[in-house]
Amino acid sequence: MVPIRDNNPISITPYVTYGLIAVNVLAFLYESSLPPQYLNGFFHLFAVVPQELSSSFSGIPVNQPIPEWLTLITSQFLHGGLLHLGGNMLFLWIFGNNVEEKLGYIKYLIFYLACGVLASLTQWYFSQGSLIPSLGASGAIAGVMCADIIRFPKAEVIGVIPLGIFFPTFRVPAYFFLGFWFIQQAFYGVSSLGMPTNIGMESGGIAYWAHAGGFVFGAILAPLLGLFSDNKSKEESW
């Protein structure tokens, strides 16, 4: 089952959403070009390693060329495999444009990055001694999905089921795809580049705390940034 947008237009071009997708794709292409012996070091450098972040917060040097707090941002643009990247970017494309329209370009970018940072910190809080790199845009996208759903609770998404040469479609509530997204994340956990990364639980799966954190902070931050300040009427569908 593949979710797609309807053709109902939005009033702005979602440049920030397109830019985020482009940066994620470029970062993954670079990851894929690295020899396996260098990939683990790359992830340890630019993904969130909870134990190293804990040491940094405590003032203990971690001997890394970039500040450890910066990985809270760089980790959002790394992915453990093509399916992990593709699924996240699909949902960002579906849900991001409406949130970007309501918040505006600058506030939307701040919102996206803040949700990602706070999602990573939530995951770090529950695994402070872990040495497994945590990466992916999932926490930020959870925040975007939450903002879209609370702003457009009656919105619908078109689902497509590829059946050979036939592509039957059906409409479902947007919130249905929140659960569908979590199931996809579990699948991505076993479809990685082969490195032990916490795109999910340490043994493989979903980084539940990061997703929960992104979703909760999305519900808090989006209204504060003006998600509901627009009184213009708009059909709650796309």
C-alpha atoms as a PDB file:
ATOM      1  CA  MET A   1       0.000   0.000   0.000  1.00  0.00           C
ATOM      2  CA  VAL A   2       1.400   3.379  -1.039  1.00  0.00           C
ATOM      3  CA  PRO A   3      -0.002   6.709   0.240  1.00  0.00           C
ATOM      4  CA  ILE A   4      -0.099   9.667  -2.144  1.00  0.00           C
ATOM      5  CA  ARG A   5      -1.389  13.220  -2.058  1.00  0.00           C
ATOM      6  CA  ASP A   6      -4.493  14.360  -3.819  1.00  0.00           C
ATOM      7  CA  ASN A   7      -4.126  17.088  -6.452  1.00  0.00           C
ATOM      8  CA  ASN A   8      -5.704  19.839  -4.370  1.00  0.00           C
ATOM      9  CA  PRO A   9      -3.232  22.747  -4.536  1.00  0.00           C
ATOM     10  CA  ILE A  10      -1.723  24.624  -1.631  1.00  0.00           C
ATOM     11  CA  SER A  11      -1.154  28.345  -1.802  1.00  0.00           C
ATOM     12  CA  ILE A  12       2.663  28.274  -1.524  1.00  0.00           C
ATOM     13  CA  THR A  13       5.456  26.221  -3.007  1.00  0.00           C
ATOM     14  CA  PRO A  14       6.867  24.098  -0.149  1.00  0.00           C
ATOM     15  CA  TYR A  15      10.498  25.014  -0.765  1.00  0.00           C
ATOM     16  CA  VAL A  16      11.642  23.982   2.722  1.00  0.00           C
ATOM     17  CA  THR A  17      10.082  20.529   2.423  1.00  0.00           C
ATOM     18  CA  TYR A  18      11.666  20.049  -0.998  1.00  0.00           C
ATOM     19  CA  GLY A  19      14.998  21.285   0.360  1.00  0.00           C
ATOM     20  CA  LEU A  20      14.890  18.904   3.322  1.00  0.00           C
ATOM     21  CA  ILE A  21      14.154  15.996   1.018  1.00  0.00           C
ATOM     22  CA  ALA A  22      17.036  16.995  -1.267  1.00  0.00           C
ATOM     23  CA  VAL A  23      19.528  17.245   1.617  1.00  0.00           C
ATOM     24  CA  ASN A  24      18.460  13.855   2.961  1.00  0.00           C
ATOM     25  CA  VAL A  25      18.843  12.240  -0.448  1.00  0.00           C
ATOM     26  CA  LEU A  26      22.269  13.798  -1.014  1.00  0.00           C
ATOM     27  CA  ALA A  27      23.431  12.701   2.434  1.00  0.00           C
ATOM     28  CA  PHE A  28      22.310   9.148   1.743  1.00  0.00           C
ATOM     29  CA  LEU A  29      24.077   9.091  -1.616  1.00  0.00           C
ATOM     30  CA  TYR A  30      27.255  10.092   0.175  1.00  0.00           C
ATOM     31  CA  GLU A  31      26.718   7.399   2.823  1.00  0.00           C
ATOM     32  CA  SER A  32      26.226   4.803   0.098  1.00  0.00           C
ATOM     33  CA  SER A  33      29.493   5.811  -1.569  1.00  0.00           C
ATOM     34  CA  LEU A  34      31.541   5.054   1.563  1.00  0.00           C
ATOM     35  CA  PRO A  35      33.375   1.723   1.850  1.00  0.00           C
ATOM     36  CA  PRO A  36      31.930  -0.452   4.636  1.00  0.00           C
ATOM     37  CA  GLN A  37      35.045   0.004   6.789  1.00  0.00           C
ATOM     38  CA  TYR A  38      34.449   3.783   6.869  1.00  0.00           C
ATOM     39  CA  LEU A  39      30.661   3.777   7.237  1.00  0.00           C
ATOM     40  CA  ASN A  40      30.636   2.852  10.916  1.00  0.00           C
ATOM     41  CA  GLY A  41      33.047   5.680  11.705  1.00  0.00           C
ATOM     42  CA  PHE A  42      30.901   8.091   9.688  1.00  0.00           C
ATOM     43  CA  PHE A  43      27.810   7.143  11.690  1.00  0.00           C
ATOM     44  CA  HIS A  44      29.662   7.443  14.991  1.00  0.00           C
ATOM     45  CA  LEU A  45      30.815  10.902  13.992  1.00  0.00           C
ATOM     46  CA  PHE A  46      27.561  12.402  12.678  1.00  0.00           C
ATOM     47  CA  ALA A  47      24.830  10.314  14.355  1.00  0.00           C
ATOM     48  CA  VAL A  48      23.845  10.622  18.025  1.00  0.00           C
ATOM     49  CA  VAL A  49      25.824   8.218  20.196  1.00  0.00           C
ATOM     50  CA  PRO A  50      24.032   8.423  23.564  1.00  0.00           C
ATOM     51  CA  GLN A  51      27.053   7.611  25.719  1.00  0.00           C
ATOM     52  CA  GLU A  52      29.172  10.231  23.969  1.00  0.00           C
ATOM     53  CA  LEU A  53      26.377  12.792  24.252  1.00  0.00           C
ATOM     54  CA  SER A  54      26.111  12.023  27.974  1.00  0.00           C
ATOM     55  CA  SER A  55      29.843  12.528  28.366  1.00  0.00           C
ATOM     56  CA  SER A  56      29.655  15.813  26.474  1.00  0.00           C
ATOM     57  CA  PHE A  57      26.846  17.075  28.717  1.00  0.00           C
ATOM     58  CA  SER A  58      29.012  16.174  31.720  1.00  0.00           C
ATOM     59  CA  GLY A  59      31.987  18.107  30.363  1.00  0.00           C
ATOM     60  CA  ILE A  60      34.002  14.976  29.540  1.00  0.00           C
ATOM     61  CA  PRO A  61      35.895  15.249  26.208  1.00  0.00           C
ATOM     62  CA  VAL A  62      34.826  12.655  23.637  1.00  0.00           C
ATOM     63  CA  ASN A  63      37.681  13.291  21.182  1.00  0.00           C
ATOM     64  CA  GLN A  64      35.453  14.002  18.188  1.00  0.00           C
ATOM     65  CA  PRO A  65      36.238  16.676  15.564  1.00  0.00           C
ATOM     66  CA  ILE A  66      32.724  18.178  15.812  1.00  0.00           C
ATOM     67  CA  PRO A  67      30.802  19.175  18.962  1.00  0.00           C
ATOM     68  CA  GLU A  68      28.691  16.253  20.144  1.00  0.00           C
ATOM     69  CA  TRP A  69      25.565  18.442  20.493  1.00  0.00           C
ATOM     70  CA  LEU A  70      25.737  19.126  16.747  1.00  0.00           C
ATOM     71  CA  THR A  71      24.910  15.468  16.060  1.00  0.00           C
ATOM     72  CA  LEU A  72      21.389  16.221  17.315  1.00  0.00           C
ATOM     73  CA  ILE A  73      20.987  18.033  13.973  1.00  0.00           C
ATOM     74  CA  THR A  74      23.277  16.092  11.614  1.00  0.00           C
ATOM     75  CA  SER A  75      21.738  12.769  12.657  1.00  0.00           C
ATOM     76  CA  GLN A  76      18.396  13.930  11.242  1.00  0.00           C
ATOM     77  CA  PHE A  77      19.808  13.749   7.719  1.00  0.00           C
ATOM     78  CA  LEU A  78      21.246  10.222   7.946  1.00  0.00           C
ATOM     79  CA  HIS A  79      19.435   6.988   7.167  1.00  0.00           C
ATOM     80  CA  GLY A  80      20.189   3.316   7.629  1.00  0.00           C
ATOM     81  CA  GLY A  81      19.038   2.135   4.216  1.00  0.00           C
ATOM     82  CA  LEU A  82      17.185   3.021   1.022  1.00  0.00           C
ATOM     83  CA  LEU A  83      13.811   1.902   2.381  1.00  0.00           C
ATOM     84  CA  HIS A  84      14.369   3.907   5.563  1.00  0.00           C
ATOM     85  CA  LEU A  85      15.122   6.999   3.491  1.00  0.00           C
ATOM     86  CA  GLY A  86      12.360   6.447   0.945  1.00  0.00           C
ATOM     87  CA  GLY A  87       9.643   5.876   3.525  1.00  0.00           C
ATOM     88  CA  ASN A  88      10.597   8.904   5.605  1.00  0.00           C
ATOM     89  CA  MET A  89      10.808  11.200   2.586  1.00  0.00           C
ATOM     90  CA  LEU A  90       7.457   9.956   1.275  1.00  0.00           C
ATOM     91  CA  PHE A  91       5.725  10.862   4.512  1.00  0.00           C
ATOM     92  CA  LEU A  92       7.556  14.182   4.729  1.00  0.00           C
ATOM     93  CA  TRP A  93       6.354  14.999   1.208  1.00  0.00           C
ATOM     94  CA  ILE A  94       2.767  14.025   2.066  1.00  0.00           C
ATOM     95  CA  PHE A  95       2.425  15.817   5.387  1.00  0.00           C
ATOM     96  CA  GLY A  96       5.077  18.531   5.293  1.00  0.00           C
ATOM     97  CA  ASN A  97       3.607  20.882   2.697  1.00  0.00           C
ATOM     98  CA  ASN A  98       0.443  21.659   4.661  1.00  0.00           C
ATOM     99  CA  VAL A  99       2.370  22.363   7.853  1.00  0.00           C
ATOM    100  CA  GLU A 100       4.854  24.521   5.938  1.00  0.00           C
ATOM    101  CA  GLU A 101       1.993  26.540   4.481  1.00  0.00           C
ATOM    102  CA  LYS A 102       0.513  27.211   7.919  1.00  0.00           C
ATOM    103  CA  LEU A 103       3.776  28.038   9.712  1.00  0.00           C
ATOM    104  CA  GLY A 104       5.664  29.762   6.913  1.00  0.00           C
ATOM    105  CA  TYR A 105       9.140  28.897   5.666  1.00  0.00           C
ATOM    106  CA  ILE A 106      11.293  30.014   8.601  1.00  0.00           C
ATOM    107  CA  LYS A 107       9.029  28.820  11.414  1.00  0.00           C
ATOM    108  CA  TYR A 108       8.505  25.510   9.643  1.00  0.00           C
ATOM    109  CA  LEU A 109      12.255  24.893   9.356  1.00  0.00           C
ATOM    110  CA  ILE A 110      12.723  25.795  13.030  1.00  0.00           C
ATOM    111  CA  PHE A 111       9.815  23.518  13.943  1.00  0.00           C
ATOM    112  CA  TYR A 112      11.177  20.596  11.917  1.00  0.00           C
ATOM    113  CA  LEU A 113      14.699  20.795  13.342  1.00  0.00           C
ATOM    114  CA  ALA A 114      13.434  21.394  16.887  1.00  0.00           C
ATOM    115  CA  CYS A 115      11.203  18.311  16.743  1.00  0.00           C
ATOM    116  CA  GLY A 116      14.154  16.265  15.517  1.00  0.00           C
ATOM    117  CA  VAL A 117      16.452  17.539  18.275  1.00  0.00           C
ATOM    118  CA  LEU A 118      13.867  17.010  21.016  1.00  0.00           C
ATOM    119  CA  ALA A 119      13.031  13.545  19.657  1.00  0.00           C
ATOM    120  CA  SER A 120      16.722  12.575  19.809  1.00  0.00           C
ATOM    121  CA  LEU A 121      17.010  13.937  23.339  1.00  0.00           C
ATOM    122  CA  THR A 122      13.970  11.894  24.355  1.00  0.00           C
ATOM    123  CA  GLN A 123      15.585   8.740  22.991  1.00  0.00           C
ATOM    124  CA  TRP A 124      18.894   9.695  24.652  1.00  0.00           C
ATOM    125  CA  TYR A 125      17.197  10.139  28.023  1.00  0.00           C
ATOM    126  CA  PHE A 126      16.105   6.490  28.021  1.00  0.00           C
ATOM    127  CA  SER A 127      19.391   5.078  26.673  1.00  0.00           C
ATOM    128  CA  GLN A 128      22.113   7.328  28.041  1.00  0.00           C
ATOM    129  CA  GLY A 129      24.779   4.624  28.190  1.00  0.00           C
ATOM    130  CA  SER A 130      24.255   3.194  24.705  1.00  0.00           C
ATOM    131  CA  LEU A 131      27.104   3.143  22.200  1.00  0.00           C
ATOM    132  CA  ILE A 132      24.837   2.471  19.225  1.00  0.00           C
ATOM    133  CA  PRO A 133      24.463   5.469  16.858  1.00  0.00           C
ATOM    134  CA  SER A 134      20.928   6.832  16.587  1.00  0.00           C
ATOM    135  CA  LEU A 135      19.967   8.393  13.277  1.00  0.00           C
ATOM    136  CA  GLY A 136      17.144   9.260  10.908  1.00  0.00           C
ATOM    137  CA  ALA A 137      14.522  11.909  10.228  1.00  0.00           C
ATOM    138  CA  SER A 138      11.790   9.901  11.946  1.00  0.00           C
ATOM    139  CA  GLY A 139      11.533  12.065  15.067  1.00  0.00           C
ATOM    140  CA  ALA A 140      11.201  15.284  13.069  1.00  0.00           C
ATOM    141  CA  ILE A 141       8.668  13.684  10.724  1.00  0.00           C
ATOM    142  CA  ALA A 142       6.643  12.410  13.692  1.00  0.00           C
ATOM    143  CA  GLY A 143       6.351  16.049  14.779  1.00  0.00           C
ATOM    144  CA  VAL A 144       5.288  17.127  11.291  1.00  0.00           C
ATOM    145  CA  MET A 145       2.685  14.368  11.090  1.00  0.00           C
ATOM    146  CA  CYS A 146       1.284  15.323  14.491  1.00  0.00           C
ATOM    147  CA  ALA A 147       1.040  18.988  13.478  1.00  0.00           C
ATOM    148  CA  ASP A 148      -0.753  18.095  10.261  1.00  0.00           C
ATOM    149  CA  ILE A 149      -3.208  15.760  11.952  1.00  0.00           C
ATOM    150  CA  ILE A 150      -4.167  18.160  14.764  1.00  0.00           C
ATOM    151  CA  ARG A 151      -4.536  21.025  12.258  1.00  0.00           C
ATOM    152  CA  PHE A 152      -6.510  18.959   9.733  1.00  0.00           C
ATOM    153  CA  PRO A 153      -8.227  16.231  11.791  1.00  0.00           C
ATOM    154  CA  LYS A 154     -10.708  15.454   8.991  1.00  0.00           C
ATOM    155  CA  ALA A 155      -8.091  15.287   6.236  1.00  0.00           C
ATOM    156  CA  GLU A 156      -7.819  12.201   4.071  1.00  0.00           C
ATOM    157  CA  VAL A 157      -5.001  10.536   2.177  1.00  0.00           C
ATOM    158  CA  ILE A 158      -5.343   8.454  -0.970  1.00  0.00           C
ATOM    159  CA  GLY A 159      -3.991   4.922  -0.614  1.00  0.00           C
ATOM    160  CA  VAL A 160      -2.849   3.049  -3.720  1.00  0.00           C
ATOM    161  CA  ILE A 161      -2.472  -0.736  -3.905  1.00  0.00           C
ATOM    162  CA  PRO A 162      -0.267  -1.792  -6.861  1.00  0.00           C
ATOM    163  CA  LEU A 163      -1.807  -4.940  -8.386  1.00  0.00           C
ATOM    164  CA  GLY A 164       0.096  -5.570 -11.583  1.00  0.00           C
ATOM    165  CA  ILE A 165      -1.270  -3.197 -14.212  1.00  0.00           C
ATOM    166  CA  PHE A 166      -4.089  -2.123 -11.906  1.00  0.00           C
ATOM    167  CA  PHE A 167      -3.763   0.572  -9.236  1.00  0.00           C
ATOM    168  CA  PRO A 168      -6.976   0.636  -7.163  1.00  0.00           C
ATOM    169  CA  THR A 169      -7.227   3.595  -4.801  1.00  0.00           C
ATOM    170  CA  PHE A 170      -9.110   4.291  -1.606  1.00  0.00           C
ATOM    171  CA  ARG A 171      -9.367   7.172   0.836  1.00  0.00           C
ATOM    172  CA  VAL A 172      -8.553   6.822   4.533  1.00  0.00           C
ATOM    173  CA  PRO A 173      -8.232   9.331   7.395  1.00  0.00           C
ATOM    174  CA  ALA A 174      -4.770  10.882   7.585  1.00  0.00           C
ATOM    175  CA  TYR A 175      -4.287   9.667  11.146  1.00  0.00           C
ATOM    176  CA  PHE A 176      -4.499   6.078   9.883  1.00  0.00           C
ATOM    177  CA  PHE A 177      -1.093   6.541   8.323  1.00  0.00           C
ATOM    178  CA  LEU A 178       0.487   7.288  11.679  1.00  0.00           C
ATOM    179  CA  GLY A 179       0.141   3.608  12.592  1.00  0.00           C
ATOM    180  CA  PHE A 180       1.106   2.594   9.061  1.00  0.00           C
ATOM    181  CA  TRP A 181       4.243   4.709   9.368  1.00  0.00           C
ATOM    182  CA  PHE A 182       5.263   3.011  12.628  1.00  0.00           C
ATOM    183  CA  ILE A 183       4.895  -0.402  10.976  1.00  0.00           C
ATOM    184  CA  GLN A 184       7.096   0.745   8.114  1.00  0.00           C
ATOM    185  CA  GLN A 185       9.746   1.931  10.568  1.00  0.00           C
ATOM    186  CA  ALA A 186       9.894  -1.561  12.092  1.00  0.00           C
ATOM    187  CA  PHE A 187      10.506  -2.997   8.629  1.00  0.00           C
ATOM    188  CA  TYR A 188      13.280  -0.500   7.930  1.00  0.00           C
ATOM    189  CA  GLY A 189      15.019  -1.683  11.079  1.00  0.00           C
ATOM    190  CA  VAL A 190      15.815  -4.992   9.368  1.00  0.00           C
ATOM    191  CA  SER A 191      16.513  -3.428   5.963  1.00  0.00           C
ATOM    192  CA  SER A 192      19.521  -1.286   6.844  1.00  0.00           C
ATOM    193  CA  LEU A 193      22.940  -0.782   5.329  1.00  0.00           C
ATOM    194  CA  GLY A 194      24.206  -3.564   7.546  1.00  0.00           C
ATOM    195  CA  MET A 195      25.583  -1.354  10.321  1.00  0.00           C
ATOM    196  CA  PRO A 196      24.372  -1.579  13.946  1.00  0.00           C
ATOM    197  CA  THR A 197      22.482   1.699  14.065  1.00  0.00           C
ATOM    198  CA  ASN A 198      19.594   2.693  16.256  1.00  0.00           C
ATOM    199  CA  ILE A 199      17.119   3.511  13.524  1.00  0.00           C
ATOM    200  CA  GLY A 200      15.096   1.454  15.916  1.00  0.00           C
ATOM    201  CA  MET A 201      15.680  -0.325  19.184  1.00  0.00           C
ATOM    202  CA  GLU A 202      19.194  -1.440  19.971  1.00  0.00           C
ATOM    203  CA  SER A 203      18.392  -4.964  18.854  1.00  0.00           C
ATOM    204  CA  GLY A 204      16.607  -3.698  15.728  1.00  0.00           C
ATOM    205  CA  GLY A 205      13.117  -2.193  15.407  1.00  0.00           C
ATOM    206  CA  ILE A 206      11.739   1.226  16.186  1.00  0.00           C
ATOM    207  CA  ALA A 207      13.187   4.045  18.298  1.00  0.00           C
ATOM    208  CA  TYR A 208       9.870   4.346  20.071  1.00  0.00           C
ATOM    209  CA  TRP A 209      10.942   7.057  22.470  1.00  0.00           C
ATOM    210  CA  ALA A 210      12.254   9.246  19.648  1.00  0.00           C
ATOM    211  CA  HIS A 211       9.013   8.872  17.720  1.00  0.00           C
ATOM    212  CA  ALA A 212       6.910   9.506  20.813  1.00  0.00           C
ATOM    213  CA  GLY A 213       9.042  12.518  21.699  1.00  0.00           C
ATOM    214  CA  GLY A 214       8.789  13.965  18.190  1.00  0.00           C
ATOM    215  CA  PHE A 215       5.031  13.474  18.184  1.00  0.00           C
ATOM    216  CA  VAL A 216       4.468  15.021  21.627  1.00  0.00           C
ATOM    217  CA  PHE A 217       6.755  17.992  21.016  1.00  0.00           C
ATOM    218  CA  GLY A 218       5.143  18.487  17.603  1.00  0.00           C
ATOM    219  CA  ALA A 219       1.794  18.878  19.372  1.00  0.00           C
ATOM    220  CA  ILE A 220       3.324  21.432  21.742  1.00  0.00           C
ATOM    221  CA  LEU A 221       5.520  23.472  19.396  1.00  0.00           C
ATOM    222  CA  ALA A 222       3.286  23.739  16.321  1.00  0.00           C
ATOM    223  CA  PRO A 223       0.485  25.716  18.049  1.00  0.00           C
ATOM    224  CA  LEU A 224       3.075  27.936  19.746  1.00  0.00           C
ATOM    225  CA  LEU A 225       4.542  28.778  16.331  1.00  0.00           C
ATOM    226  CA  GLY A 226       1.152  29.707  14.884  1.00  0.00           C
ATOM    227  CA  LEU A 227      -0.335  26.517  13.454  1.00  0.00           C
ATOM    228  CA  PHE A 228      -3.878  27.676  14.299  1.00  0.00           C
ATOM    229  CA  SER A 229      -3.423  31.398  13.744  1.00  0.00           C
ATOM    230  CA  ASP A 230      -4.675  31.312  10.141  1.00  0.00           C
ATOM    231  CA  ASN A 231      -8.425  31.848  10.019  1.00  0.00           C
ATOM    232  CA  LYS A 232      -8.746  31.331   6.295  1.00  0.00           C
ATOM    233  CA  SER A 233     -11.076  28.536   5.314  1.00  0.00           C
ATOM    234  CA  LYS A 234      -9.450  25.637   3.533  1.00  0.00           C
ATOM    235  CA  GLU A 235     -10.732  22.277   2.444  1.00  0.00           C
ATOM    236  CA  GLU A 236      -9.157  19.757   4.818  1.00  0.00           C
ATOM    237  CA  SER A 237      -8.021  17.370   2.131  1.00  0.00           C
ATOM    238  CA  TRP A 238      -5.070  16.970  -0.193  1.00  0.00           C
END
